[in-house]
Amino acid sequence: MTLSASRLTQRRHLLKWLLASPLLTLSPERQLFAQGVAKRPDPMIWPATISDDLIVSPKDAVNVFDFEPVAFKKVPPAHFGYMASGIDDEVTLRANREAFLKYELRPRRLRDVSRIDMSIILFGTRWKTPVILAPTGGNRAYDPDGEIAVARAAKAGGHLNVLASAAGSSIEDVIAARQGDVWYQLYATSSPEVAQQVVRRVERAGCPVLEITVDRNGGRNQETYFRLRRLDTRNCAGCHTSGIGSISERPNYDGIDTSRVASMQSSNMTWDFIQKMRDTTKMKLIVKGILTEEDAALCLKYGVDGIHVSNHGGRSEDSGRGAIECLPEVARVATGRVPIIFDSGVRRGTDIFKALAMGATGVCIGRPYLWGLGAFGQPGVERVLELLREELAAIMQA
């Protein structure tokens, strides 16, 4: 097939227009993604790929995605890459976002929604919102105030937050900053004895709930992180004096003999460990990382107080389902018996609404508040949470 002269002219004009389009005019930061340094900016489209105008203040953000390119610009490449990375081909990472699209809302009309109540009750404590700040490690990689800034933002918005084992601040300091309940997430390590000592410490600090993560048991190929780390010209040994991810950098292990810890992973964990923790502490016990009804049933058998449906935001294993697809089967087993916490891929108020409608009691966010933290510190986190509350209220009144 041949094209006429007029069609050729039209094609040339179209190509010239496309080449001049801002869609193809990426800043150096965005060109990294275009060149395959990372496989995707996010499963969603970045506003910053359409315009180079980044927000300059948290109040300028119209959704949580506005914070990500600002964080990418401000946060060192290795730190940003660690947070943004999934595993291998990042199938699970993308599935977490795409799976939400499979569930459509079925609105009913002429209901009085002039007043709505977003509060939830977890273990006897009422929270103004179901939006929970998930445990994320090393928050000082994104802002000098790290977990302290996050705790203060949680207090400002009335949110529950969960402190990670890999935190750069102690449980005592974070509780003081939050001025209220803080839950603690435990990586058990290869040593049950060390885990027990950490659990006793956080219980003494006044932590009411312990979340045991059971989905990070082995190594992981974080390709996006590895590629972005190559672009980081800093000397990592200047901060990570004992090696990246060293237990010595984690204040909640201070004063505990960790010399026999072979690994921060807990590939030797079995249900017997859950029983051991049940016998060790009076804190409420939640198992984090449950994705099947069979494991949900075992949680109930071993007397846990709550179940956290999570695939670690696509950071634990690849080729998995979106976490929201796993929620219904867990809910069939656990609803009405124990609270269900949900995370992975949550970016919108409608995501939160869907998870609540499908059985979740509370919904955690992770990466979005780290985008806010990396972009603007505590005010960025506060604005991310405010946007999600506004979106959730809007869909509840739809």
Protein backbone atom coordinates (compact mmCIF):
# COMPACT_ATOMS: atom_id res chain seq x y z
CA MET A 1 0.00 0.00 0.00
CA THR A 2 1.32 3.49 -0.92
CA LEU A 3 0.42 6.84 0.53
CA SER A 4 -0.52 9.88 -1.53
CA ALA A 5 1.56 13.04 -1.32
CA SER A 6 -1.12 14.72 0.77
CA ARG A 7 -1.22 11.78 3.21
CA LEU A 8 2.58 11.86 3.51
CA THR A 9 2.43 15.56 4.26
CA GLN A 10 -0.23 14.96 6.90
CA ARG A 11 1.88 12.22 8.49
CA ARG A 12 4.95 14.50 8.62
CA HIS A 13 2.88 17.22 10.29
CA LEU A 14 1.56 14.71 12.82
CA LEU A 15 5.04 13.47 13.67
CA LYS A 16 6.32 17.04 14.06
CA TRP A 17 3.41 17.80 16.40
CA LEU A 18 4.09 14.69 18.46
CA LEU A 19 7.78 15.48 18.79
CA ALA A 20 6.89 18.93 20.08
CA SER A 21 4.38 17.52 22.55
CA PRO A 22 5.15 17.88 26.27
CA LEU A 23 4.32 14.21 26.60
CA LEU A 24 7.66 13.49 24.97
CA THR A 25 9.58 16.30 26.63
CA LEU A 26 10.75 14.73 29.84
CA SER A 27 13.01 16.29 32.44
CA PRO A 28 16.27 14.42 33.24
CA GLU A 29 14.57 12.74 36.21
CA ARG A 30 11.72 11.39 34.08
CA GLN A 31 14.14 10.37 31.32
CA LEU A 32 15.62 7.85 33.77
CA PHE A 33 12.33 6.01 33.79
CA ALA A 34 11.89 6.38 30.02
CA GLN A 35 15.30 4.78 29.50
CA GLY A 36 14.34 1.75 31.56
CA VAL A 37 16.28 2.60 34.72
CA ALA A 38 13.08 1.66 36.50
CA LYS A 39 10.40 -0.40 34.84
CA ARG A 40 7.55 1.91 35.68
CA PRO A 41 7.12 5.25 37.41
CA ASP A 42 4.06 3.84 39.11
CA PRO A 43 1.25 1.70 37.71
CA MET A 44 -0.62 5.00 37.51
CA ILE A 45 0.29 7.92 35.21
CA TRP A 46 2.38 10.66 36.74
CA PRO A 47 1.11 14.19 36.32
CA ALA A 48 4.77 15.19 36.06
CA THR A 49 5.21 13.24 32.83
CA ILE A 50 2.70 15.60 31.24
CA SER A 51 4.22 18.77 32.65
CA ASP A 52 7.52 19.66 34.23
CA ASP A 53 5.73 21.85 36.74
CA LEU A 54 6.09 20.06 40.07
CA ILE A 55 4.13 21.14 43.09
CA VAL A 56 6.09 23.48 45.36
CA SER A 57 3.93 23.12 48.45
CA PRO A 58 1.83 20.32 49.96
CA LYS A 59 -1.30 22.44 49.55
CA ASP A 60 -0.78 22.42 45.76
CA ALA A 61 -1.35 18.66 45.55
CA VAL A 62 -4.64 17.48 44.08
CA ASN A 63 -3.93 13.78 44.70
CA VAL A 64 -1.24 11.68 46.34
CA PHE A 65 0.53 11.05 43.04
CA ASP A 66 1.61 14.71 42.91
CA PHE A 67 4.09 13.99 45.70
CA GLU A 68 5.95 11.12 44.05
CA PRO A 69 7.92 13.05 41.40
CA VAL A 70 8.86 15.69 43.97
CA ALA A 71 10.14 12.96 46.28
CA PHE A 72 12.02 11.43 43.37
CA LYS A 73 13.74 14.75 42.76
CA LYS A 74 14.65 15.34 46.42
CA VAL A 75 15.41 11.87 47.77
CA PRO A 76 18.75 10.21 46.95
CA PRO A 77 18.40 7.65 44.13
CA ALA A 78 19.26 4.61 46.25
CA HIS A 79 16.74 5.58 48.92
CA PHE A 80 13.99 6.32 46.42
CA GLY A 81 14.73 3.10 44.54
CA TYR A 82 14.49 1.00 47.69
CA MET A 83 11.05 2.41 48.46
CA ALA A 84 9.73 2.25 44.88
CA SER A 85 11.03 -1.20 44.03
CA GLY A 86 9.05 -4.39 43.69
CA ILE A 87 10.48 -7.85 42.99
CA ASP A 88 11.75 -9.30 39.70
CA ASP A 89 9.33 -8.26 36.94
CA GLU A 90 7.16 -6.36 39.45
CA VAL A 91 4.07 -8.30 38.41
CA THR A 92 2.63 -8.24 41.93
CA LEU A 93 3.42 -4.55 42.28
CA ARG A 94 1.36 -3.74 39.21
CA ALA A 95 -1.33 -6.26 40.13
CA ASN A 96 -1.95 -4.42 43.39
CA ARG A 97 -3.08 -1.36 41.43
CA GLU A 98 -4.74 -3.10 38.50
CA ALA A 99 -6.79 -5.41 40.71
CA PHE A 100 -8.70 -2.49 42.20
CA LEU A 101 -10.10 -1.79 38.72
CA LYS A 102 -11.82 -5.19 38.70
CA TYR A 103 -14.19 -4.10 41.45
CA GLU A 104 -16.84 -1.57 40.49
CA LEU A 105 -19.11 0.39 42.77
CA ARG A 106 -22.89 -0.01 42.67
CA PRO A 107 -24.28 3.26 44.05
CA ARG A 108 -27.78 3.62 45.47
CA ARG A 109 -29.54 6.97 45.40
CA LEU A 110 -31.78 9.10 47.64
CA ARG A 111 -30.08 8.19 50.88
CA ASP A 112 -29.38 10.82 53.53
CA VAL A 113 -25.58 11.10 53.49
CA SER A 114 -25.38 14.64 54.83
CA ARG A 115 -23.53 13.26 57.85
CA ILE A 116 -21.09 10.37 57.61
CA ASP A 117 -19.04 8.56 60.22
CA MET A 118 -15.61 7.33 59.14
CA SER A 119 -14.57 6.17 62.60
CA ILE A 120 -13.59 2.60 63.42
CA ILE A 121 -13.01 0.67 66.64
CA LEU A 122 -9.96 -1.55 66.99
CA PHE A 123 -9.48 -3.48 70.23
CA GLY A 124 -11.64 -1.04 72.15
CA THR A 125 -10.01 2.14 70.81
CA ARG A 126 -11.98 4.44 68.52
CA TRP A 127 -10.13 6.06 65.64
CA LYS A 128 -11.53 8.97 63.63
CA THR A 129 -10.54 7.37 60.35
CA PRO A 130 -9.91 3.86 58.99
CA VAL A 131 -6.73 5.09 57.27
CA ILE A 132 -3.68 3.67 59.06
CA LEU A 133 -0.01 4.44 58.45
CA ALA A 134 1.61 1.12 57.60
CA PRO A 135 4.98 0.13 59.07
CA THR A 136 7.72 1.29 56.70
CA GLY A 137 11.39 1.04 57.56
CA GLY A 138 14.12 3.66 57.52
CA ASN A 139 11.97 6.78 57.27
CA ARG A 140 15.04 8.97 57.81
CA ALA A 141 16.09 7.99 54.31
CA TYR A 142 13.35 10.38 53.12
CA ASP A 143 13.46 13.14 55.73
CA PRO A 144 15.79 13.80 58.70
CA ASP A 145 12.88 13.62 61.17
CA GLY A 146 11.79 10.25 59.78
CA GLU A 147 9.40 8.29 61.96
CA ILE A 148 9.01 11.21 64.37
CA ALA A 149 7.59 13.38 61.58
CA VAL A 150 5.27 10.53 60.56
CA ALA A 151 4.03 10.07 64.15
CA ARG A 152 3.32 13.80 64.48
CA ALA A 153 1.43 13.78 61.17
CA ALA A 154 -0.58 10.80 62.41
CA LYS A 155 -1.47 12.72 65.57
CA ALA A 156 -2.50 15.79 63.57
CA GLY A 157 -4.97 13.78 61.50
CA GLY A 158 -6.13 11.36 64.17
CA HIS A 159 -4.58 8.32 62.50
CA LEU A 160 -3.23 5.11 63.95
CA ASN A 161 0.35 4.41 62.93
CA VAL A 162 2.41 1.24 63.12
CA LEU A 163 6.16 1.39 63.77
CA ALA A 164 8.42 -0.93 61.80
CA SER A 165 11.20 -3.09 63.19
CA ALA A 166 13.47 -1.39 60.65
CA ALA A 167 12.62 2.07 62.00
CA GLY A 168 15.30 4.67 62.58
CA SER A 169 13.61 5.76 65.83
CA SER A 170 12.81 3.88 69.01
CA ILE A 171 9.32 2.83 70.02
CA GLU A 172 9.61 5.07 73.10
CA ASP A 173 10.41 8.18 71.04
CA VAL A 174 7.67 7.49 68.51
CA ILE A 175 5.03 6.98 71.23
CA ALA A 176 6.14 10.30 72.76
CA ALA A 177 5.80 12.03 69.38
CA ARG A 178 2.41 10.45 68.65
CA GLN A 179 1.15 11.11 72.19
CA GLY A 180 -1.09 8.10 71.86
CA ASP A 181 -1.20 4.45 70.89
CA VAL A 182 1.40 3.17 68.44
CA TRP A 183 1.42 -0.41 67.22
CA TYR A 184 4.66 -2.29 66.55
CA GLN A 185 5.55 -4.52 63.58
CA LEU A 186 8.05 -7.31 64.23
CA TYR A 187 10.55 -8.94 61.93
CA ALA A 188 11.28 -12.01 63.98
CA THR A 189 14.86 -12.49 62.68
CA SER A 190 16.46 -15.93 62.73
CA SER A 191 16.54 -15.86 66.54
CA PRO A 192 13.32 -16.44 68.52
CA GLU A 193 15.16 -15.36 71.68
CA VAL A 194 16.00 -11.95 70.19
CA ALA A 195 12.42 -11.60 68.98
CA GLN A 196 11.14 -12.26 72.50
CA GLN A 197 13.40 -9.58 73.95
CA VAL A 198 12.20 -7.01 71.40
CA VAL A 199 8.59 -7.92 72.14
CA ARG A 200 9.11 -7.45 75.88
CA ARG A 201 10.71 -4.06 75.24
CA VAL A 202 7.86 -2.69 73.13
CA GLU A 203 5.32 -4.04 75.62
CA ARG A 204 7.10 -2.19 78.45
CA ALA A 205 7.00 0.96 76.33
CA GLY A 206 3.21 0.76 76.30
CA CYS A 207 2.58 -0.65 72.86
CA PRO A 208 -0.88 -2.29 72.84
CA VAL A 209 -0.66 -4.33 69.62
CA LEU A 210 2.08 -6.44 68.02
CA GLU A 211 2.03 -7.23 64.30
CA ILE A 212 4.22 -10.16 63.25
CA THR A 213 5.24 -10.06 59.61
CA VAL A 214 5.29 -13.54 58.08
CA ASP A 215 5.85 -12.78 54.38
CA ARG A 216 9.52 -11.73 54.28
CA ASN A 217 11.38 -14.99 54.73
CA GLY A 218 14.04 -14.98 52.03
CA GLY A 219 16.04 -12.89 49.59
CA ARG A 220 14.54 -10.68 46.91
CA ASN A 221 15.69 -9.30 43.59
CA GLN A 222 14.79 -5.60 43.77
CA GLU A 223 15.77 -4.63 40.24
CA THR A 224 14.48 -1.05 40.34
CA TYR A 225 16.42 -0.44 43.55
CA PHE A 226 19.59 -1.96 42.14
CA ARG A 227 19.42 0.16 38.99
CA LEU A 228 18.78 3.41 40.79
CA ARG A 229 21.47 2.65 43.36
CA ARG A 230 24.05 2.72 40.55
CA LEU A 231 23.17 6.38 39.99
CA ASP A 232 23.85 7.29 43.63
CA THR A 233 27.32 8.83 43.93
CA ARG A 234 27.35 8.99 47.72
CA ASN A 235 29.55 6.81 49.90
CA CYS A 236 27.01 4.56 51.61
CA ALA A 237 29.52 3.56 54.28
CA GLY A 238 29.32 7.11 55.60
CA CYS A 239 25.83 6.37 57.00
CA HIS A 240 25.55 2.58 56.87
CA THR A 241 28.69 2.00 58.90
CA SER A 242 27.79 -1.61 59.69
CA GLY A 243 26.36 -2.40 56.26
CA ILE A 244 23.04 -1.62 54.62
CA GLY A 245 20.16 -3.06 56.63
CA SER A 246 22.32 -3.91 59.60
CA ILE A 247 20.51 -4.70 62.83
CA SER A 248 22.85 -2.29 64.62
CA GLU A 249 21.14 0.61 62.80
CA ARG A 250 17.78 -0.25 64.35
CA PRO A 251 17.26 1.45 67.72
CA ASN A 252 14.64 -1.00 68.90
CA TYR A 253 17.35 -3.66 69.15
CA ASP A 254 19.62 -1.47 71.33
CA GLY A 255 20.79 -3.28 74.44
CA ILE A 256 19.85 -6.69 73.06
CA ASP A 257 22.55 -9.25 72.28
CA THR A 258 22.14 -9.85 68.55
CA SER A 259 25.46 -11.59 68.00
CA ARG A 260 23.71 -14.86 67.17
CA VAL A 261 21.31 -13.35 64.65
CA ALA A 262 22.29 -14.99 61.38
CA SER A 263 19.72 -13.09 59.35
CA MET A 264 17.01 -10.44 59.69
CA GLN A 265 14.78 -12.85 57.77
CA SER A 266 12.78 -15.53 59.53
CA SER A 267 12.73 -18.45 57.12
CA ASN A 268 12.70 -20.78 60.15
CA MET A 269 9.36 -19.41 61.39
CA THR A 270 6.45 -21.82 61.86
CA TRP A 271 3.08 -21.61 63.60
CA ASP A 272 4.87 -22.69 66.77
CA PHE A 273 6.52 -19.26 66.79
CA ILE A 274 3.09 -17.60 66.80
CA GLN A 275 2.20 -19.73 69.81
CA LYS A 276 5.48 -18.72 71.48
CA MET A 277 4.66 -15.04 70.97
CA ARG A 278 1.13 -15.65 72.25
CA ASP A 279 2.70 -17.00 75.45
CA THR A 280 5.30 -14.20 75.65
CA THR A 281 3.13 -11.10 75.59
CA LYS A 282 -0.22 -9.74 76.71
CA MET A 283 -0.31 -7.39 73.72
CA LYS A 284 -2.93 -8.04 71.08
CA LEU A 285 -1.40 -10.15 68.33
CA ILE A 286 -1.89 -9.63 64.58
CA VAL A 287 -0.31 -11.74 61.84
CA LYS A 288 0.67 -9.64 58.83
CA GLY A 289 1.03 -11.10 55.35
CA ILE A 290 -1.95 -13.47 55.15
CA LEU A 291 -3.34 -14.02 51.63
CA THR A 292 -5.36 -17.26 51.76
CA GLU A 293 -8.37 -18.61 53.63
CA GLU A 294 -6.34 -21.63 54.76
CA ASP A 295 -3.82 -19.43 56.58
CA ALA A 296 -6.62 -17.23 57.90
CA ALA A 297 -8.16 -20.33 59.48
CA LEU A 298 -4.80 -21.23 61.04
CA CYS A 299 -4.55 -17.73 62.48
CA LEU A 300 -7.82 -18.30 64.27
CA LYS A 301 -6.71 -21.74 65.40
CA TYR A 302 -3.59 -20.27 67.02
CA GLY A 303 -5.54 -17.58 68.79
CA VAL A 304 -4.42 -14.41 67.01
CA ASP A 305 -6.42 -11.27 67.67
CA GLY A 306 -6.36 -9.89 64.12
CA ILE A 307 -5.34 -10.68 60.54
CA HIS A 308 -3.47 -8.33 58.23
CA VAL A 309 -4.07 -9.04 54.53
CA SER A 310 -0.96 -7.85 52.71
CA ASN A 311 1.52 -8.89 50.03
CA HIS A 312 4.02 -6.36 51.34
CA GLY A 313 3.18 -3.91 48.58
CA GLY A 314 4.60 -6.28 45.97
CA ARG A 315 7.94 -6.42 47.80
CA SER A 316 7.79 -9.96 49.12
CA GLU A 317 7.35 -12.24 46.11
CA ASP A 318 6.46 -11.79 42.45
CA SER A 319 3.77 -13.38 40.24
CA GLY A 320 1.16 -12.98 42.94
CA ARG A 321 -2.40 -11.71 42.95
CA GLY A 322 -3.31 -8.17 43.79
CA ALA A 323 -3.86 -8.02 47.55
CA ILE A 324 -7.45 -6.81 47.15
CA GLU A 325 -8.21 -10.07 45.29
CA CYS A 326 -7.10 -12.00 48.37
CA LEU A 327 -9.26 -10.06 50.80
CA PRO A 328 -12.64 -11.78 50.10
CA GLU A 329 -11.44 -15.28 50.94
CA VAL A 330 -9.82 -14.13 54.17
CA ALA A 331 -12.97 -12.20 55.04
CA ARG A 332 -15.09 -15.33 54.56
CA VAL A 333 -13.14 -16.95 57.38
CA ALA A 334 -12.42 -14.03 59.70
CA THR A 335 -15.27 -11.52 59.44
CA GLY A 336 -17.09 -11.22 62.74
CA ARG A 337 -14.38 -13.10 64.57
CA VAL A 338 -11.30 -10.85 64.45
CA PRO A 339 -10.50 -7.45 62.87
CA ILE A 340 -9.02 -7.49 59.37
CA ILE A 341 -6.37 -4.95 58.38
CA PHE A 342 -5.60 -4.48 54.69
CA ASP A 343 -2.77 -2.93 52.67
CA SER A 344 -0.93 -3.03 49.33
CA GLY A 345 -1.60 -0.77 46.37
CA VAL A 346 -3.86 1.73 48.17
CA ARG A 347 -3.67 5.14 46.51
CA ARG A 348 -7.21 6.52 46.45
CA GLY A 349 -10.19 7.03 48.72
CA THR A 350 -12.10 4.65 46.45
CA ASP A 351 -9.44 1.98 47.12
CA ILE A 352 -10.00 2.40 50.84
CA PHE A 353 -13.77 2.28 50.36
CA LYS A 354 -13.57 -0.94 48.32
CA ALA A 355 -11.36 -2.63 50.92
CA LEU A 356 -13.75 -1.66 53.72
CA ALA A 357 -16.75 -2.86 51.72
CA MET A 358 -15.02 -6.19 51.13
CA GLY A 359 -14.34 -6.89 54.78
CA ALA A 360 -11.45 -4.79 56.03
CA THR A 361 -11.75 -3.05 59.38
CA GLY A 362 -8.86 -0.67 58.74
CA VAL A 363 -6.75 0.12 55.67
CA CYS A 364 -3.02 0.88 55.67
CA ILE A 365 -1.07 3.07 53.29
CA GLY A 366 2.68 2.94 52.82
CA ARG A 367 4.33 4.44 49.76
CA PRO A 368 1.98 7.46 49.48
CA TYR A 369 2.95 8.86 52.87
CA LEU A 370 6.63 8.21 52.10
CA TRP A 371 6.19 10.28 48.92
CA GLY A 372 4.82 13.06 51.08
CA LEU A 373 7.62 12.64 53.61
CA GLY A 374 10.33 12.72 50.95
CA ALA A 375 8.76 15.69 49.20
CA PHE A 376 7.95 18.00 52.12
CA GLY A 377 8.54 16.23 55.44
CA GLN A 378 5.76 16.20 58.03
CA PRO A 379 3.53 18.69 56.13
CA GLY A 380 3.71 16.40 53.11
CA VAL A 381 2.56 13.41 55.14
CA GLU A 382 -0.27 15.46 56.63
CA ARG A 383 -1.46 16.53 53.18
CA VAL A 384 -1.36 12.97 51.82
CA LEU A 385 -3.54 11.84 54.70
CA GLU A 386 -5.87 14.80 54.26
CA LEU A 387 -6.35 14.03 50.56
CA LEU A 388 -7.20 10.40 51.30
CA ARG A 389 -9.68 11.39 54.00
CA GLU A 390 -11.32 13.85 51.59
CA GLU A 391 -11.55 11.26 48.82
CA LEU A 392 -12.96 8.65 51.18
CA ALA A 393 -15.58 11.07 52.49
CA ALA A 394 -16.54 11.98 48.94
CA ILE A 395 -17.16 8.41 47.84
CA MET A 396 -19.04 7.63 51.06
CA GLN A 397 -21.42 10.47 50.20
CA ALA A 398 -21.74 9.51 46.52
